[in-house]
């Protein structure tokens, strides 16, 4: 495989999800804040997504496995977004999300761009093999 820009997208997604696993989720009131490490389920889900994004970087020799790993990471990223929203709005008053809540969304977009790059490289490989 050629493996160019998609490695950078996957690395960015892994870093963003790793940062999000240690960040503040939001504020419920002036004195009460919710941190992700305080919620074990959300922290495990975000760390799992970060690890899968990182592992998928090294699966470049097998694009089918790499795409499967990226798809799985995207599903887990969506699960972390939904879990964070449920935790933030579980009380009587919906809390104000922190800036770090944009990290999973940006990681999801980076994963979509990485998939686009993987598919483009597969097409280039197929076209070059056809020419031989």
N, C-alpha and C. Protein backbone atom coordinates (compact mmCIF):
# COMPACT_ATOMS: atom_id res chain seq x y z
N UNK A 1 0.84 -1.19 0.00
CA UNK A 1 0.00 0.00 0.00
C UNK A 1 0.88 1.25 0.00
N UNK A 2 0.29 2.31 -0.43
CA UNK A 2 1.01 3.57 -0.53
C UNK A 2 1.05 4.27 0.82
N UNK A 3 -0.08 4.36 1.49
CA UNK A 3 -0.20 4.83 2.87
C UNK A 3 0.44 6.20 3.09
N UNK A 4 -0.24 7.19 2.64
CA UNK A 4 0.30 8.54 2.78
C UNK A 4 -0.44 9.32 3.86
N UNK A 5 -1.39 10.10 3.46
CA UNK A 5 -2.03 11.05 4.36
C UNK A 5 -2.94 10.36 5.37
N UNK A 6 -3.46 9.17 5.05
CA UNK A 6 -4.38 8.52 5.98
C UNK A 6 -3.71 8.15 7.29
N UNK A 7 -2.41 7.92 7.26
CA UNK A 7 -1.70 7.64 8.52
C UNK A 7 -1.75 8.86 9.43
N UNK A 8 -1.61 10.04 8.85
CA UNK A 8 -1.68 11.26 9.65
C UNK A 8 -3.09 11.49 10.19
N UNK A 9 -4.10 11.20 9.38
CA UNK A 9 -5.48 11.33 9.85
C UNK A 9 -5.76 10.36 11.00
N UNK A 10 -5.29 9.14 10.86
CA UNK A 10 -5.51 8.15 11.92
C UNK A 10 -4.73 8.51 13.19
N UNK A 11 -3.53 9.04 13.03
CA UNK A 11 -2.76 9.48 14.19
C UNK A 11 -3.45 10.64 14.89
N UNK A 12 -3.96 11.59 14.11
CA UNK A 12 -4.69 12.72 14.70
C UNK A 12 -5.92 12.24 15.44
N UNK A 13 -6.65 11.27 14.87
CA UNK A 13 -7.83 10.74 15.53
C UNK A 13 -7.46 10.03 16.83
N UNK A 14 -6.36 9.28 16.82
CA UNK A 14 -5.91 8.60 18.04
C UNK A 14 -5.51 9.60 19.12
N UNK A 15 -4.81 10.65 18.73
CA UNK A 15 -4.40 11.66 19.71
C UNK A 15 -5.61 12.40 20.27
N UNK A 16 -6.56 12.73 19.41
CA UNK A 16 -7.76 13.44 19.88
C UNK A 16 -8.58 12.59 20.85
N UNK A 17 -8.72 11.31 20.53
CA UNK A 17 -9.49 10.44 21.44
C UNK A 17 -8.71 10.19 22.74
N UNK A 18 -7.39 10.11 22.65
CA UNK A 18 -6.59 9.97 23.87
C UNK A 18 -6.69 11.20 24.76
N UNK A 19 -6.68 12.37 24.14
CA UNK A 19 -6.85 13.61 24.91
C UNK A 19 -8.25 13.68 25.52
N UNK A 20 -9.24 13.29 24.73
CA UNK A 20 -10.62 13.35 25.22
C UNK A 20 -10.83 12.42 26.41
N UNK A 21 -10.09 11.32 26.47
CA UNK A 21 -10.26 10.38 27.58
C UNK A 21 -9.82 10.96 28.92
N UNK A 22 -9.06 12.05 28.89
CA UNK A 22 -8.58 12.67 30.13
C UNK A 22 -9.12 14.08 30.34
N UNK A 23 -10.07 14.50 29.55
CA UNK A 23 -10.53 15.90 29.56
C UNK A 23 -11.78 16.08 30.42
N UNK A 24 -12.21 17.33 30.47
CA UNK A 24 -13.44 17.67 31.17
C UNK A 24 -14.59 17.56 30.19
N UNK A 25 -15.65 16.88 30.63
CA UNK A 25 -16.82 16.70 29.76
C UNK A 25 -17.68 17.94 29.72
N UNK A 26 -17.86 18.58 30.86
CA UNK A 26 -18.66 19.80 30.88
C UNK A 26 -18.98 20.23 32.29
N UNK A 27 -19.77 21.28 32.38
CA UNK A 27 -20.19 21.84 33.67
C UNK A 27 -21.69 21.70 33.82
N UNK A 28 -22.10 21.23 35.00
CA UNK A 28 -23.53 21.16 35.30
C UNK A 28 -23.98 22.48 35.91
N UNK A 29 -23.17 23.00 36.79
CA UNK A 29 -23.42 24.32 37.37
C UNK A 29 -22.08 25.02 37.54
N UNK A 30 -22.08 26.16 38.21
CA UNK A 30 -20.83 26.90 38.38
C UNK A 30 -19.81 26.12 39.19
N UNK A 31 -20.27 25.33 40.15
CA UNK A 31 -19.35 24.63 41.05
C UNK A 31 -19.17 23.16 40.70
N UNK A 32 -20.00 22.60 39.83
CA UNK A 32 -19.97 21.17 39.56
C UNK A 32 -19.54 20.93 38.12
N UNK A 33 -18.44 20.21 37.98
CA UNK A 33 -17.92 19.83 36.66
C UNK A 33 -17.87 18.32 36.55
N UNK A 34 -18.02 17.83 35.33
CA UNK A 34 -17.94 16.40 35.07
C UNK A 34 -16.66 16.13 34.29
N UNK A 35 -15.85 15.23 34.82
CA UNK A 35 -14.61 14.84 34.16
C UNK A 35 -14.75 13.42 33.64
N UNK A 36 -14.16 13.15 32.50
CA UNK A 36 -14.28 11.83 31.89
C UNK A 36 -13.59 10.74 32.72
N UNK A 37 -12.42 10.98 33.33
CA UNK A 37 -11.84 9.91 34.16
C UNK A 37 -12.70 9.51 35.36
N UNK A 38 -13.63 10.36 35.76
CA UNK A 38 -14.54 10.01 36.85
C UNK A 38 -15.58 8.99 36.41
N UNK A 39 -15.83 8.89 35.12
CA UNK A 39 -16.79 7.94 34.59
C UNK A 39 -16.02 6.82 33.88
N UNK A 40 -15.99 5.66 34.49
CA UNK A 40 -15.17 4.56 34.00
C UNK A 40 -15.59 4.08 32.61
N UNK A 41 -16.89 3.97 32.39
CA UNK A 41 -17.37 3.45 31.11
C UNK A 41 -16.94 4.35 29.95
N UNK A 42 -17.15 5.64 30.11
CA UNK A 42 -16.79 6.57 29.05
C UNK A 42 -15.28 6.61 28.83
N UNK A 43 -14.52 6.52 29.89
CA UNK A 43 -13.07 6.54 29.75
C UNK A 43 -12.58 5.29 29.01
N UNK A 44 -13.13 4.12 29.33
CA UNK A 44 -12.73 2.89 28.66
C UNK A 44 -13.11 2.94 27.18
N UNK A 45 -14.28 3.46 26.87
CA UNK A 45 -14.73 3.54 25.48
C UNK A 45 -13.82 4.47 24.67
N UNK A 46 -13.45 5.61 25.24
CA UNK A 46 -12.61 6.55 24.50
C UNK A 46 -11.18 6.02 24.34
N UNK A 47 -10.66 5.35 25.36
CA UNK A 47 -9.32 4.77 25.25
C UNK A 47 -9.32 3.64 24.23
N UNK A 48 -10.38 2.84 24.19
CA UNK A 48 -10.49 1.77 23.21
C UNK A 48 -10.51 2.33 21.79
N UNK A 49 -11.23 3.42 21.59
CA UNK A 49 -11.26 4.05 20.27
C UNK A 49 -9.87 4.57 19.89
N UNK A 50 -9.18 5.19 20.83
CA UNK A 50 -7.84 5.71 20.55
C UNK A 50 -6.87 4.58 20.21
N UNK A 51 -6.95 3.48 20.93
CA UNK A 51 -6.06 2.34 20.66
C UNK A 51 -6.36 1.73 19.29
N UNK A 52 -7.63 1.60 18.95
CA UNK A 52 -7.98 1.04 17.64
C UNK A 52 -7.54 1.95 16.50
N UNK A 53 -7.69 3.26 16.69
CA UNK A 53 -7.19 4.19 15.67
C UNK A 53 -5.68 4.03 15.49
N UNK A 54 -4.98 3.89 16.61
CA UNK A 54 -3.52 3.76 16.55
C UNK A 54 -3.11 2.44 15.90
N UNK A 55 -3.79 1.36 16.25
CA UNK A 55 -3.47 0.05 15.66
C UNK A 55 -3.74 0.05 14.17
N UNK A 56 -4.79 0.74 13.75
CA UNK A 56 -5.15 0.73 12.34
C UNK A 56 -4.08 1.41 11.46
N UNK A 57 -3.26 2.25 12.06
CA UNK A 57 -2.16 2.86 11.30
C UNK A 57 -1.21 1.78 10.78
N UNK A 58 -0.96 0.76 11.58
CA UNK A 58 0.02 -0.26 11.25
C UNK A 58 -0.55 -1.43 10.45
N UNK A 59 -1.81 -1.36 10.09
CA UNK A 59 -2.42 -2.41 9.28
C UNK A 59 -2.41 -2.04 7.80
N UNK A 60 -1.46 -1.21 7.38
CA UNK A 60 -1.45 -0.71 6.01
C UNK A 60 -1.18 -1.79 4.97
N UNK A 61 -0.59 -2.90 5.36
CA UNK A 61 -0.31 -3.95 4.39
C UNK A 61 -1.56 -4.74 4.01
N UNK A 62 -2.58 -4.66 4.84
CA UNK A 62 -3.83 -5.34 4.56
C UNK A 62 -4.96 -4.30 4.63
N UNK A 63 -5.33 -3.71 3.50
CA UNK A 63 -6.31 -2.63 3.53
C UNK A 63 -7.70 -3.05 4.02
N UNK A 64 -8.06 -4.31 3.81
CA UNK A 64 -9.38 -4.75 4.30
C UNK A 64 -9.43 -4.75 5.82
N UNK A 65 -8.37 -5.25 6.44
CA UNK A 65 -8.30 -5.22 7.91
C UNK A 65 -8.21 -3.79 8.42
N UNK A 66 -7.48 -2.95 7.70
CA UNK A 66 -7.34 -1.56 8.12
C UNK A 66 -8.69 -0.85 8.07
N UNK A 67 -9.43 -1.07 6.99
CA UNK A 67 -10.74 -0.45 6.88
C UNK A 67 -11.68 -0.98 7.96
N UNK A 68 -11.60 -2.27 8.26
CA UNK A 68 -12.44 -2.84 9.32
C UNK A 68 -12.11 -2.21 10.67
N UNK A 69 -10.83 -2.03 10.94
CA UNK A 69 -10.42 -1.42 12.20
C UNK A 69 -10.88 0.04 12.28
N UNK A 70 -10.81 0.76 11.17
CA UNK A 70 -11.25 2.15 11.16
C UNK A 70 -12.76 2.23 11.35
N UNK A 71 -13.50 1.33 10.68
CA UNK A 71 -14.96 1.31 10.87
C UNK A 71 -15.32 1.01 12.32
N UNK A 72 -14.64 0.04 12.93
CA UNK A 72 -14.89 -0.28 14.33
C UNK A 72 -14.57 0.91 15.23
N UNK A 73 -13.48 1.60 14.93
CA UNK A 73 -13.11 2.78 15.71
C UNK A 73 -14.15 3.88 15.57
N UNK A 74 -14.70 4.01 14.36
CA UNK A 74 -15.73 5.03 14.15
C UNK A 74 -16.99 4.71 14.94
N UNK A 75 -17.37 3.44 15.00
CA UNK A 75 -18.54 3.04 15.79
C UNK A 75 -18.31 3.31 17.26
N UNK A 76 -17.11 3.00 17.74
CA UNK A 76 -16.79 3.24 19.15
C UNK A 76 -16.75 4.74 19.43
N UNK A 77 -16.26 5.53 18.47
CA UNK A 77 -16.24 6.98 18.64
C UNK A 77 -17.68 7.52 18.73
N UNK A 78 -18.56 7.02 17.88
CA UNK A 78 -19.96 7.42 17.98
C UNK A 78 -20.55 7.02 19.32
N UNK A 79 -20.18 5.84 19.81
CA UNK A 79 -20.66 5.40 21.12
C UNK A 79 -20.17 6.34 22.22
N UNK A 80 -18.94 6.82 22.10
CA UNK A 80 -18.42 7.74 23.12
C UNK A 80 -19.13 9.09 23.04
N UNK A 81 -19.48 9.54 21.84
CA UNK A 81 -20.23 10.79 21.70
C UNK A 81 -21.60 10.65 22.35
N UNK A 82 -22.27 9.56 22.07
CA UNK A 82 -23.61 9.34 22.63
C UNK A 82 -23.54 9.16 24.14
N UNK A 83 -22.57 8.40 24.60
CA UNK A 83 -22.42 8.19 26.06
C UNK A 83 -22.12 9.50 26.77
N UNK A 84 -21.26 10.33 26.19
CA UNK A 84 -20.96 11.63 26.79
C UNK A 84 -22.18 12.53 26.84
N UNK A 85 -22.98 12.50 25.80
CA UNK A 85 -24.20 13.32 25.79
C UNK A 85 -25.20 12.82 26.82
N UNK A 86 -25.31 11.52 26.97
CA UNK A 86 -26.22 10.97 27.98
C UNK A 86 -25.75 11.34 29.38
N UNK A 87 -24.47 11.23 29.63
CA UNK A 87 -23.94 11.57 30.95
C UNK A 87 -24.13 13.05 31.24
N UNK A 88 -23.89 13.89 30.26
CA UNK A 88 -23.99 15.33 30.46
C UNK A 88 -25.43 15.78 30.68
N UNK A 89 -26.36 15.11 30.05
CA UNK A 89 -27.77 15.52 30.15
C UNK A 89 -28.60 14.55 30.97
N UNK A 90 -27.97 13.76 31.84
CA UNK A 90 -28.72 12.77 32.61
C UNK A 90 -29.46 13.35 33.79
N UNK A 91 -29.05 14.47 34.28
CA UNK A 91 -29.71 15.06 35.43
C UNK A 91 -30.93 15.88 35.03
N UNK A 92 -31.44 16.63 35.99
CA UNK A 92 -32.59 17.48 35.72
C UNK A 92 -32.23 18.61 34.76
N UNK A 93 -31.01 19.11 34.89
CA UNK A 93 -30.55 20.20 34.04
C UNK A 93 -29.47 19.67 33.12
N UNK A 94 -29.57 19.97 31.84
CA UNK A 94 -28.55 19.56 30.89
C UNK A 94 -27.33 20.46 31.06
N UNK A 95 -26.16 19.86 31.20
CA UNK A 95 -24.95 20.63 31.44
C UNK A 95 -24.42 21.30 30.18
N UNK A 96 -23.48 22.19 30.40
CA UNK A 96 -22.83 22.88 29.30
C UNK A 96 -21.59 22.08 28.89
N UNK A 97 -21.51 21.67 27.62
CA UNK A 97 -20.34 20.87 27.20
C UNK A 97 -19.06 21.70 27.17
N UNK A 98 -17.97 21.05 27.46
CA UNK A 98 -16.66 21.70 27.41
C UNK A 98 -16.16 21.71 25.97
N UNK A 99 -15.10 22.45 25.73
CA UNK A 99 -14.51 22.54 24.40
C UNK A 99 -13.98 21.18 23.95
N UNK A 100 -13.53 20.37 24.90
CA UNK A 100 -12.98 19.06 24.57
C UNK A 100 -14.02 18.11 23.99
N UNK A 101 -15.29 18.44 24.11
CA UNK A 101 -16.34 17.59 23.54
C UNK A 101 -16.32 17.59 22.02
N UNK A 102 -15.60 18.51 21.43
CA UNK A 102 -15.48 18.51 19.98
C UNK A 102 -14.43 17.52 19.49
N UNK A 103 -13.60 17.00 20.38
CA UNK A 103 -12.54 16.06 19.98
C UNK A 103 -13.07 14.79 19.31
N UNK A 104 -14.10 14.11 19.85
CA UNK A 104 -14.58 12.91 19.16
C UNK A 104 -15.19 13.21 17.79
N UNK A 105 -15.82 14.36 17.66
CA UNK A 105 -16.40 14.73 16.37
C UNK A 105 -15.30 14.96 15.34
N UNK A 106 -14.25 15.65 15.74
CA UNK A 106 -13.12 15.88 14.83
C UNK A 106 -12.41 14.56 14.52
N UNK A 107 -12.31 13.67 15.52
CA UNK A 107 -11.70 12.35 15.29
C UNK A 107 -12.53 11.54 14.30
N UNK A 108 -13.85 11.64 14.39
CA UNK A 108 -14.73 10.93 13.46
C UNK A 108 -14.53 11.45 12.04
N UNK A 109 -14.42 12.76 11.90
CA UNK A 109 -14.19 13.35 10.58
C UNK A 109 -12.83 12.93 10.03
N UNK A 110 -11.82 12.90 10.89
CA UNK A 110 -10.48 12.44 10.46
C UNK A 110 -10.52 10.98 10.02
N UNK A 111 -11.32 10.16 10.70
CA UNK A 111 -11.45 8.76 10.31
C UNK A 111 -12.13 8.63 8.95
N UNK A 112 -13.11 9.46 8.69
CA UNK A 112 -13.77 9.43 7.38
C UNK A 112 -12.78 9.83 6.29
N UNK A 113 -11.95 10.82 6.56
CA UNK A 113 -10.93 11.23 5.58
C UNK A 113 -9.89 10.14 5.37
N UNK A 114 -9.55 9.43 6.46
CA UNK A 114 -8.60 8.32 6.33
C UNK A 114 -9.18 7.20 5.47
N UNK A 115 -10.46 6.91 5.65
CA UNK A 115 -11.10 5.90 4.82
C UNK A 115 -11.09 6.29 3.36
N UNK A 116 -11.32 7.57 3.11
CA UNK A 116 -11.27 8.06 1.74
C UNK A 116 -9.88 7.86 1.14
N UNK A 117 -8.83 8.12 1.92
CA UNK A 117 -7.47 7.91 1.46
C UNK A 117 -7.14 6.45 1.23
N UNK A 118 -7.64 5.58 2.10
CA UNK A 118 -7.41 4.14 1.93
C UNK A 118 -8.07 3.65 0.65
N UNK A 119 -9.29 4.08 0.43
CA UNK A 119 -9.99 3.67 -0.80
C UNK A 119 -9.30 4.20 -2.05
N UNK A 120 -8.78 5.41 -1.98
CA UNK A 120 -8.07 5.99 -3.12
C UNK A 120 -6.79 5.19 -3.40
N UNK A 121 -6.08 4.80 -2.36
CA UNK A 121 -4.87 3.99 -2.56
C UNK A 121 -5.21 2.61 -3.13
N UNK A 122 -6.30 2.02 -2.66
CA UNK A 122 -6.72 0.73 -3.23
C UNK A 122 -7.00 0.86 -4.72
N UNK A 123 -7.63 1.94 -5.10
CA UNK A 123 -7.94 2.17 -6.51
C UNK A 123 -6.65 2.34 -7.32
N UNK A 124 -5.71 3.07 -6.78
CA UNK A 124 -4.42 3.26 -7.48
C UNK A 124 -3.72 1.92 -7.65
N UNK A 125 -3.72 1.07 -6.64
CA UNK A 125 -3.08 -0.24 -6.71
C UNK A 125 -3.79 -1.11 -7.75
N UNK A 126 -5.12 -1.11 -7.73
CA UNK A 126 -5.87 -1.91 -8.72
C UNK A 126 -5.57 -1.44 -10.14
N UNK A 127 -5.53 -0.12 -10.33
CA UNK A 127 -5.26 0.43 -11.67
C UNK A 127 -3.84 0.09 -12.14
N UNK A 128 -2.89 0.15 -11.23
CA UNK A 128 -1.51 -0.18 -11.63
C UNK A 128 -1.35 -1.64 -11.92
N UNK A 129 -2.07 -2.52 -11.22
CA UNK A 129 -1.99 -3.95 -11.50
C UNK A 129 -2.68 -4.29 -12.83
N UNK A 130 -3.70 -3.55 -13.16
CA UNK A 130 -4.41 -3.77 -14.41
C UNK A 130 -3.53 -3.40 -15.60
N UNK A 131 -2.71 -2.37 -15.45
CA UNK A 131 -1.85 -1.92 -16.52
C UNK A 131 -0.74 -2.92 -16.81
N UNK A 132 -0.26 -3.63 -15.79
CA UNK A 132 0.82 -4.60 -15.96
C UNK A 132 0.35 -5.65 -16.87
